[in-house]
Amino acid sequence: MNNKQLVLFCSALLVSSSAFAQPIQFTNGNTLEVELVFQTETTLTFIDSVLGEQTIDKAKISNLHTIKLERLKKLSEVEFQGYKKIKAAEIKVLDAKARLATAEAEKFVTATKEVEIAENELNVTKNIVLAEAQILNAKARLDLAKSEAQQVEQESAAKDLWFFETDTQLEAAEENLDTAVQQVEVAENNLKRVKGEKIDVGFMGTGWLKGWESSFDLGMNGSSGPSENFNFRAGFVAGYEDADDRWDFKSYYLTNSQNNDFTTNKANVSLLKDWFFTETEWFSFAGVIYDWDENKDWRQRVQLSAGPGYEFIKNDEWILSGRVGGTFVVEFGGKEEVPGSDPISYTPRENAYDFEVMVGADALWHISEGQTFIASNYTYARATDGAKMRNVANIVWQHDLDFFKGLVIKFNIHDEYDMTQKLAKNKNDFQYGVALGLGF
């Protein structure tokens, strides 16, 4: 069914051109002379001069076998539901027009607006019904294209003697499948458009990271006077989840300076992948974290982690999960003091390779439609380097700003306590800040 046929179908329903007169006897003994409009598998719709349009179960009609139903239009359940939506919207228009006709002069503008709103709702409803039908049609073509591709692939494997012929057929079937997938996507976007919903166009409209939730964060402050201070933080986060897996990407750059001397200069990039198991709360994960920090014993650190996880709670309001696993850590760069040197001199620090046992938890709370609270805490115990420990905690609270869609304000706290650091001032790294985020 193409778009033109769908429009003609909706129009045919509204004018009820297939109606014809028939007597109906009900199981309660009553008889009505009505005009039949259409039928479904279980119902019959008719128009009575007094009762108007009515829909009744066929089981309540005693003379159903004598009624000539073979020339009466029969609707599927999807078509019937679409018809009901359109009729409900039409009733709103008629009701608004009736109130307009009886409205007092001072209420004329308000009543006119109600008619306009109702008519607009009718148009939107028609467009939604049409878009839903297009999706069903596109999905049917997609299922057919999948079946054809599978059939050709099986024939290609079975008929080695006709390799070139079946290979061409397989390419054609795959092209049909790609076209069907694109048609489903177009139909779903059309439905979102008529409903006024956001259409996913990927990162900055490029199509990259399509289906992901992502945002930029930016925060800064400074002062100038007896002393000069400047603080700057920028970040990018992105996430994706479906029934099979979940991706979580985070990154930020942070710098603080006082009188042109950097007190903080660091960056962090992390990527976490979860694989879900069907019909269980268990999942597996793997992740990589890169750190660059001018204040640590090392300058760069790479962490590779893997292990199992468990989702204790997962619903529309809460997500709570735990993880355990192993972490391989590589630290390189930096410098260390030469023992006994006077004046103090430094030598390049050797690369360090360590293995840690990791245990942690993540929590997400949807406080309200526009507020989200995220917290995580991970503890790392080194199997090498004297079993020293690290603890990393993060808290993020964000609130949507109503005056600009996609804009949020974020308050974040980060704390890392690291017993592996030699200098006492480097053992605890505590940060907090406020930033604006723009989601897309």
Protein backbone atom coordinates (compact mmCIF):
# COMPACT_ATOMS: atom_id res chain seq x y z
CA MET A 1 0.00 0.00 0.00
CA ASN A 2 1.62 3.28 -1.15
CA ASN A 3 1.00 6.77 0.25
CA LYS A 4 -1.70 7.58 -2.33
CA GLN A 5 -3.59 4.39 -1.54
CA LEU A 6 -3.38 5.13 2.17
CA VAL A 7 -4.86 8.60 1.71
CA LEU A 8 -7.65 7.20 -0.45
CA PHE A 9 -8.33 4.56 2.20
CA CYS A 10 -8.67 7.16 4.97
CA SER A 11 -10.96 9.26 2.75
CA ALA A 12 -13.13 6.23 1.95
CA LEU A 13 -13.58 5.55 5.63
CA LEU A 14 -14.68 9.09 6.37
CA VAL A 15 -17.34 9.33 3.64
CA SER A 16 -18.59 5.75 4.24
CA SER A 17 -19.32 5.29 0.56
CA SER A 18 -19.92 1.54 1.01
CA ALA A 19 -22.96 1.97 3.30
CA PHE A 20 -26.22 0.14 2.39
CA ALA A 21 -29.52 -0.47 4.19
CA GLN A 22 -30.19 -3.72 6.08
CA PRO A 23 -32.50 -4.76 8.93
CA ILE A 24 -30.63 -5.94 12.03
CA GLN A 25 -32.18 -8.12 14.73
CA PHE A 26 -30.50 -8.12 18.12
CA THR A 27 -30.39 -10.99 20.58
CA ASN A 28 -32.53 -8.93 22.99
CA GLY A 29 -35.39 -8.94 20.43
CA ASN A 30 -35.04 -5.38 19.09
CA THR A 31 -34.90 -4.71 15.35
CA LEU A 32 -33.39 -1.69 13.57
CA GLU A 33 -33.37 -0.61 9.94
CA VAL A 34 -29.82 0.67 9.55
CA GLU A 35 -27.17 1.49 6.98
CA LEU A 36 -24.18 -0.83 7.22
CA VAL A 37 -20.83 0.97 6.94
CA PHE A 38 -18.05 -1.62 7.40
CA GLN A 39 -17.09 -4.66 9.43
CA THR A 40 -14.12 -6.17 11.24
CA GLU A 41 -13.50 -9.76 12.21
CA THR A 42 -15.66 -9.42 15.34
CA THR A 43 -17.65 -6.17 14.98
CA LEU A 44 -20.17 -4.48 12.69
CA THR A 45 -20.43 -0.69 12.25
CA PHE A 46 -23.74 0.86 11.11
CA ILE A 47 -25.60 4.22 11.01
CA ASP A 48 -29.05 4.59 12.58
CA SER A 49 -31.27 7.63 11.97
CA VAL A 50 -31.69 8.12 15.74
CA LEU A 51 -28.65 6.56 17.34
CA GLY A 52 -26.16 7.72 14.74
CA GLU A 53 -23.04 5.67 14.03
CA GLN A 54 -22.68 2.61 16.24
CA THR A 55 -20.27 -0.33 16.46
CA ILE A 56 -21.53 -3.62 17.97
CA ASP A 57 -20.15 -7.13 18.46
CA LYS A 58 -21.36 -9.56 15.82
CA ALA A 59 -22.21 -12.01 18.63
CA LYS A 60 -25.10 -9.71 19.68
CA ILE A 61 -26.81 -9.91 16.23
CA SER A 62 -29.25 -12.81 15.85
CA ASN A 63 -29.78 -12.54 12.06
CA LEU A 64 -26.12 -12.21 11.15
CA HIS A 65 -26.36 -15.17 8.76
CA THR A 66 -29.03 -13.43 6.64
CA ILE A 67 -27.18 -10.13 6.30
CA LYS A 68 -25.26 -9.71 3.07
CA LEU A 69 -21.80 -9.13 4.52
CA GLU A 70 -19.85 -10.38 1.50
CA ARG A 71 -20.06 -6.95 -0.22
CA LEU A 72 -19.45 -4.99 2.97
CA LYS A 73 -15.93 -3.61 3.39
CA LYS A 74 -13.90 -5.53 5.98
CA LEU A 75 -11.22 -3.67 7.96
CA SER A 76 -8.19 -5.09 9.73
CA GLU A 77 -7.67 -4.26 13.39
CA VAL A 78 -4.96 -1.69 12.49
CA GLU A 79 -7.29 0.03 9.98
CA PHE A 80 -10.15 0.02 12.50
CA GLN A 81 -8.01 1.63 15.19
CA GLY A 82 -6.88 4.30 12.71
CA TYR A 83 -10.51 4.96 11.77
CA LYS A 84 -11.46 5.37 15.45
CA LYS A 85 -8.65 7.89 15.95
CA ILE A 86 -9.83 9.97 13.00
CA LYS A 87 -13.49 9.84 14.10
CA ALA A 88 -12.57 10.90 17.63
CA ALA A 89 -10.65 13.88 16.24
CA GLU A 90 -13.61 14.76 13.96
CA ILE A 91 -15.99 14.72 16.95
CA LYS A 92 -13.73 17.26 18.67
CA VAL A 93 -13.93 19.49 15.60
CA LEU A 94 -17.74 19.23 15.46
CA ASP A 95 -18.00 19.90 19.19
CA ALA A 96 -15.78 22.95 18.91
CA LYS A 97 -17.82 24.25 15.95
CA ALA A 98 -21.07 23.74 17.87
CA ARG A 99 -19.72 25.73 20.80
CA LEU A 100 -18.53 28.39 18.35
CA ALA A 101 -22.05 28.75 16.93
CA THR A 102 -23.54 29.39 20.40
CA ALA A 103 -20.69 31.39 21.88
CA GLU A 104 -21.31 34.90 23.10
CA ALA A 105 -19.68 37.76 21.22
CA GLU A 106 -16.94 38.32 23.81
CA LYS A 107 -15.98 34.65 23.63
CA PHE A 108 -15.82 34.53 19.87
CA VAL A 109 -12.01 34.74 19.67
CA THR A 110 -11.59 31.93 22.22
CA ALA A 111 -14.10 29.69 20.46
CA THR A 112 -12.42 30.33 17.09
CA LYS A 113 -9.10 29.31 18.59
CA GLU A 114 -10.62 26.07 19.89
CA VAL A 115 -11.89 25.25 16.41
CA GLU A 116 -8.42 25.93 15.01
CA ILE A 117 -6.80 23.70 17.64
CA ALA A 118 -9.32 20.90 17.06
CA GLU A 119 -8.87 21.05 13.28
CA ASN A 120 -5.11 21.01 13.70
CA GLU A 121 -5.43 18.00 15.98
CA LEU A 122 -7.53 16.28 13.31
CA ASN A 123 -4.85 16.91 10.70
CA VAL A 124 -2.13 15.65 13.06
CA THR A 125 -4.20 12.54 13.84
CA LYS A 126 -4.66 11.81 10.14
CA ASN A 127 -0.92 12.26 9.58
CA ILE A 128 -0.13 9.95 12.51
CA VAL A 129 -2.49 7.26 11.17
CA LEU A 130 -0.88 7.59 7.74
CA ALA A 131 2.66 7.47 9.21
CA GLU A 132 1.83 4.41 11.32
CA ALA A 133 0.49 2.66 8.22
CA GLN A 134 3.68 3.58 6.35
CA ILE A 135 5.76 2.01 9.13
CA LEU A 136 3.76 -1.22 8.95
CA ASN A 137 4.13 -1.25 5.19
CA ALA A 138 7.90 -0.57 5.37
CA LYS A 139 8.42 -3.26 8.02
CA ALA A 140 6.52 -5.78 5.89
CA ARG A 141 8.84 -4.99 2.97
CA LEU A 142 11.83 -5.33 5.32
CA ASP A 143 10.70 -8.79 6.47
CA LEU A 144 10.25 -9.82 2.84
CA ALA A 145 13.71 -8.50 1.92
CA LYS A 146 15.26 -10.42 4.85
CA SER A 147 13.55 -13.64 3.73
CA GLU A 148 14.74 -13.15 0.15
CA ALA A 149 18.31 -12.44 1.29
CA GLN A 150 18.37 -15.55 3.48
CA GLN A 151 16.94 -17.69 0.68
CA VAL A 152 19.48 -16.45 -1.88
CA GLU A 153 22.31 -16.92 0.63
CA GLN A 154 21.26 -20.53 1.24
CA GLU A 155 20.99 -21.18 -2.49
CA SER A 156 24.41 -19.60 -3.02
CA ALA A 157 25.95 -21.99 -0.51
CA ALA A 158 24.21 -24.99 -2.07
CA LYS A 159 24.89 -24.20 -5.76
CA ASP A 160 28.64 -23.84 -6.13
CA LEU A 161 28.34 -24.56 -9.86
CA TRP A 162 26.40 -21.33 -10.40
CA PHE A 163 28.69 -19.23 -8.19
CA PHE A 164 28.69 -16.07 -10.28
CA GLU A 165 24.95 -16.14 -10.83
CA THR A 166 24.08 -16.65 -7.17
CA ASP A 167 26.69 -14.10 -6.11
CA THR A 168 24.93 -11.48 -8.27
CA GLN A 169 21.57 -12.50 -6.84
CA LEU A 170 22.95 -12.19 -3.31
CA GLU A 171 24.25 -8.68 -3.99
CA ALA A 172 20.84 -7.67 -5.38
CA ALA A 173 19.07 -9.17 -2.34
CA GLU A 174 21.41 -7.32 0.03
CA GLU A 175 20.74 -4.05 -1.82
CA ASN A 176 16.99 -4.66 -1.47
CA LEU A 177 17.50 -5.32 2.23
CA ASP A 178 19.46 -2.07 2.69
CA THR A 179 16.74 -0.17 0.84
CA ALA A 180 14.05 -1.71 3.05
CA VAL A 181 15.98 -0.78 6.21
CA GLN A 182 16.24 2.82 5.00
CA GLN A 183 12.51 2.91 4.20
CA VAL A 184 11.67 1.77 7.73
CA GLU A 185 13.92 4.49 9.14
CA VAL A 186 12.30 7.15 6.93
CA ALA A 187 8.82 6.00 7.97
CA GLU A 188 9.73 6.06 11.67
CA ASN A 189 11.21 9.57 11.29
CA ASN A 190 8.00 10.72 9.55
CA LEU A 191 5.98 9.48 12.53
CA LYS A 192 8.28 11.34 14.95
CA ARG A 193 7.98 14.48 12.83
CA VAL A 194 4.17 14.55 12.82
CA LYS A 195 4.16 13.88 16.57
CA GLY A 196 6.57 16.79 17.12
CA GLU A 197 9.29 14.52 18.49
CA LYS A 198 13.02 14.98 17.99
CA ILE A 199 14.56 13.14 15.03
CA ASP A 200 17.97 11.61 15.69
CA VAL A 201 20.45 13.02 13.15
CA GLY A 202 23.61 12.06 15.04
CA PHE A 203 26.51 14.23 16.17
CA MET A 204 25.90 17.82 14.99
CA GLY A 205 23.72 16.49 12.14
CA THR A 206 26.55 14.39 10.64
CA GLY A 207 24.91 11.00 11.31
CA TRP A 208 27.94 9.99 13.42
CA LEU A 209 27.00 8.52 16.83
CA LYS A 210 23.43 8.13 15.59
CA GLY A 211 21.28 6.58 18.30
CA TRP A 212 23.65 7.76 21.04
CA GLU A 213 22.87 10.26 23.79
CA SER A 214 25.72 12.76 23.93
CA SER A 215 26.56 16.22 25.23
CA PHE A 216 29.31 18.84 25.52
CA ASP A 217 30.14 20.31 28.93
CA LEU A 218 31.81 23.66 29.49
CA GLY A 219 32.66 25.51 32.71
CA MET A 220 35.05 28.34 33.51
CA ASN A 221 35.71 31.16 35.95
CA GLY A 222 38.50 33.62 36.65
CA SER A 223 39.57 36.76 38.46
CA SER A 224 42.09 39.55 38.00
CA GLY A 225 43.46 41.91 40.64
CA PRO A 226 46.07 41.37 43.34
CA SER A 227 46.28 37.84 41.91
CA GLU A 228 45.15 36.29 38.66
CA ASN A 229 43.15 33.06 38.65
CA PHE A 230 41.65 31.08 35.81
CA ASN A 231 39.78 27.77 35.91
CA PHE A 232 38.56 25.92 32.83
CA ARG A 233 36.83 22.58 32.32
CA ALA A 234 35.54 21.04 29.07
CA GLY A 235 34.12 17.59 28.51
CA PHE A 236 32.31 15.33 26.09
CA VAL A 237 30.15 12.35 27.07
CA ALA A 238 28.20 9.86 24.97
CA GLY A 239 26.21 6.72 25.68
CA TYR A 240 24.31 4.05 23.79
CA GLU A 241 22.23 1.08 24.97
CA ASP A 242 20.09 -1.58 23.34
CA ALA A 243 18.96 -5.09 24.26
CA ASP A 244 22.41 -6.58 23.56
CA ASP A 245 25.00 -4.14 24.88
CA ARG A 246 25.78 -0.73 26.34
CA TRP A 247 28.51 1.83 25.56
CA ASP A 248 29.65 4.61 27.89
CA PHE A 249 32.19 7.21 26.76
CA LYS A 250 33.44 10.05 28.98
CA SER A 251 36.18 12.64 28.58
CA TYR A 252 37.23 15.93 30.12
CA TYR A 253 40.08 18.43 30.24
CA LEU A 254 40.71 20.50 33.38
CA THR A 255 43.15 23.31 33.99
CA ASN A 256 43.54 25.73 36.91
CA SER A 257 46.13 28.50 37.03
CA GLN A 258 47.18 31.13 39.55
CA ASN A 259 49.43 34.03 38.54
CA ASN A 260 50.17 32.21 35.26
CA ASP A 261 51.36 29.08 37.10
CA PHE A 262 49.39 25.89 36.49
CA THR A 263 48.11 24.35 39.72
CA THR A 264 46.14 21.72 37.80
CA ASN A 265 46.55 20.50 34.24
CA LYS A 266 44.98 17.13 33.45
CA ALA A 267 42.83 15.15 31.03
CA ASN A 268 40.85 11.92 31.22
CA VAL A 269 39.28 9.69 28.54
CA SER A 270 37.36 6.49 29.29
CA LEU A 271 35.40 3.96 27.25
CA LEU A 272 33.31 1.20 28.83
CA LYS A 273 31.46 -1.59 27.01
CA ASP A 274 28.88 -3.92 28.64
CA TRP A 275 27.55 -7.13 27.10
CA PHE A 276 24.13 -8.24 28.38
CA PHE A 277 23.07 -11.86 28.85
CA THR A 278 19.46 -12.74 27.99
CA GLU A 279 17.03 -13.50 30.81
CA THR A 280 19.53 -12.69 33.56
CA GLU A 281 20.81 -9.62 35.41
CA TRP A 282 24.44 -10.67 34.85
CA PHE A 283 26.59 -8.98 32.23
CA SER A 284 30.26 -8.78 31.27
CA PHE A 285 32.30 -5.62 30.71
CA ALA A 286 35.58 -4.33 29.35
CA GLY A 287 36.95 -0.82 29.59
CA VAL A 288 39.94 1.40 28.97
CA ILE A 289 40.89 4.61 30.81
CA TYR A 290 43.59 7.09 29.78
CA ASP A 291 44.85 9.77 32.21
CA TRP A 292 47.28 12.63 31.68
CA ASP A 293 48.24 14.69 34.73
CA GLU A 294 51.19 17.04 35.24
CA ASN A 295 50.96 16.82 39.04
CA LYS A 296 51.27 13.06 39.50
CA ASP A 297 54.43 10.95 39.85
CA TRP A 298 53.61 9.72 36.36
CA ARG A 299 52.53 11.87 33.45
CA GLN A 300 50.35 9.33 31.64
CA ARG A 301 48.47 6.27 32.82
CA VAL A 302 46.54 3.62 30.90
CA GLN A 303 44.14 1.18 32.59
CA LEU A 304 42.60 -1.90 30.96
CA SER A 305 39.78 -3.57 32.92
CA ALA A 306 37.49 -6.56 32.39
CA GLY A 307 35.18 -8.74 34.42
CA PRO A 308 31.56 -9.60 35.30
CA GLY A 309 28.81 -7.28 36.51
CA TYR A 310 25.33 -7.57 38.00
CA GLU A 311 22.32 -5.22 37.75
CA PHE A 312 20.58 -5.18 41.13
CA ILE A 313 17.91 -2.66 40.04
CA LYS A 314 16.87 -1.48 36.58
CA ASN A 315 13.63 0.42 36.01
CA ASP A 316 12.45 3.81 34.78
CA GLU A 317 13.53 5.51 38.02
CA TRP A 318 16.61 3.62 39.26
CA ILE A 319 19.59 1.75 37.83
CA LEU A 320 22.01 0.14 40.32
CA SER A 321 24.78 -2.19 39.20
CA GLY A 322 28.00 -3.65 40.61
CA ARG A 323 31.24 -4.82 39.00
CA VAL A 324 34.30 -6.87 39.95
CA GLY A 325 37.30 -7.58 37.78
CA GLY A 326 40.98 -7.20 37.09
CA THR A 327 42.80 -4.06 35.95
CA PHE A 328 46.15 -3.90 34.17
CA VAL A 329 47.83 -0.53 34.78
CA VAL A 330 50.70 1.06 32.85
CA GLU A 331 52.27 4.31 34.13
CA PHE A 332 54.88 6.17 32.10
CA GLY A 333 56.49 9.57 31.89
CA GLY A 334 57.28 11.87 34.80
CA LYS A 335 60.42 12.19 36.86
CA GLU A 336 61.71 11.24 40.29
CA GLU A 337 64.24 12.73 42.70
CA VAL A 338 67.78 11.36 42.69
CA PRO A 339 68.45 10.10 46.24
CA GLY A 340 71.11 12.11 48.10
CA SER A 341 71.50 14.78 45.40
CA ASP A 342 72.38 18.30 46.61
CA PRO A 343 71.11 20.47 45.08
CA ILE A 344 68.13 18.24 44.29
CA SER A 345 68.20 16.78 40.81
CA TYR A 346 65.73 14.59 38.95
CA THR A 347 65.91 11.65 36.62
CA PRO A 348 63.26 10.28 34.23
CA ARG A 349 60.92 7.87 35.97
CA GLU A 350 60.88 4.29 34.75
CA ASN A 351 57.67 2.86 33.38
CA ALA A 352 55.58 0.96 35.92
CA TYR A 353 53.43 -2.11 35.21
CA ASP A 354 50.92 -3.26 37.84
CA PHE A 355 47.86 -5.46 38.23
CA GLU A 356 44.90 -4.47 40.42
CA VAL A 357 41.76 -6.15 41.70
CA MET A 358 38.79 -3.85 41.15
CA VAL A 359 35.36 -3.70 42.78
CA GLY A 360 32.83 -0.92 42.21
CA ALA A 361 29.23 0.20 41.86
CA ASP A 362 27.26 2.61 39.67
CA ALA A 363 23.92 4.25 40.50
CA LEU A 364 21.58 6.40 38.40
CA TRP A 365 18.46 8.07 39.80
CA HIS A 366 15.91 9.88 37.63
CA ILE A 367 14.70 12.29 40.30
CA SER A 368 12.14 13.88 37.99
CA GLU A 369 11.60 14.43 34.28
CA GLY A 370 14.33 17.08 34.19
CA GLN A 371 16.67 15.99 37.00
CA THR A 372 19.19 13.14 37.12
CA PHE A 373 21.62 12.04 39.83
CA ILE A 374 24.60 9.79 38.95
CA ALA A 375 27.11 8.33 41.42
CA SER A 376 29.91 5.75 41.19
CA ASN A 377 32.65 4.42 43.44
CA TYR A 378 35.50 2.08 42.49
CA THR A 379 38.22 0.64 44.70
CA TYR A 380 41.45 -0.78 43.23
CA ALA A 381 43.77 -3.01 45.31
CA ARG A 382 47.16 -3.67 43.75
CA ALA A 383 48.36 -7.23 43.62
CA THR A 384 51.83 -5.69 43.13
CA ASP A 385 53.55 -2.66 44.70
CA GLY A 386 52.82 -3.66 48.31
CA ALA A 387 49.02 -4.07 47.88
CA LYS A 388 48.50 -0.31 47.87
CA MET A 389 44.97 0.90 47.17
CA ARG A 390 43.22 3.54 45.11
CA ASN A 391 39.63 4.75 45.45
CA VAL A 392 37.83 6.78 42.77
CA ALA A 393 34.42 8.38 43.44
CA ASN A 394 32.27 10.49 41.11
CA ILE A 395 28.99 12.35 41.66
CA VAL A 396 27.04 14.22 38.97
CA TRP A 397 23.73 16.07 39.40
CA GLN A 398 22.19 17.62 36.30
CA HIS A 399 19.06 19.66 35.72
CA ASP A 400 17.45 20.52 32.36
CA LEU A 401 17.01 24.23 31.65
CA ASP A 402 13.51 24.79 30.27
CA PHE A 403 14.27 27.94 28.28
CA PHE A 404 16.58 26.13 25.81
CA LYS A 405 16.01 22.53 24.68
CA GLY A 406 19.02 20.30 25.31
CA LEU A 407 20.75 22.73 27.69
CA VAL A 408 21.49 21.43 31.21
CA ILE A 409 23.38 22.64 34.25
CA LYS A 410 25.71 20.11 35.88
CA PHE A 411 27.29 19.94 39.31
CA ASN A 412 30.08 17.39 39.56
CA ILE A 413 32.38 16.04 42.26
CA HIS A 414 35.45 13.87 41.64
CA ASP A 415 37.71 12.41 44.30
CA GLU A 416 40.62 10.00 43.86
CA TYR A 417 42.65 8.79 46.83
CA ASP A 418 45.85 7.11 45.62
CA MET A 419 48.25 5.46 48.09
CA THR A 420 50.75 4.79 45.26
CA GLN A 421 51.72 8.48 45.04
CA LYS A 422 54.93 9.39 46.86
CA LEU A 423 54.15 13.04 47.63
CA ALA A 424 51.49 13.51 50.33
CA LYS A 425 49.85 16.38 48.43
CA ASN A 426 49.24 14.08 45.45
CA LYS A 427 47.61 11.27 47.41
CA ASN A 428 44.15 12.88 47.44
CA ASP A 429 42.81 14.63 44.34
CA PHE A 430 39.47 16.35 45.07
CA GLN A 431 37.61 18.41 42.44
CA TYR A 432 34.21 20.01 42.20
CA GLY A 433 32.63 22.34 39.73
CA VAL A 434 29.57 23.62 37.89
CA ALA A 435 29.24 23.47 34.11
CA LEU A 436 26.73 23.93 31.31
CA GLY A 437 26.02 20.98 29.06
CA LEU A 438 24.45 20.92 25.60
CA GLY A 439 22.89 17.61 24.60
CA PHE A 440 22.22 16.43 21.06
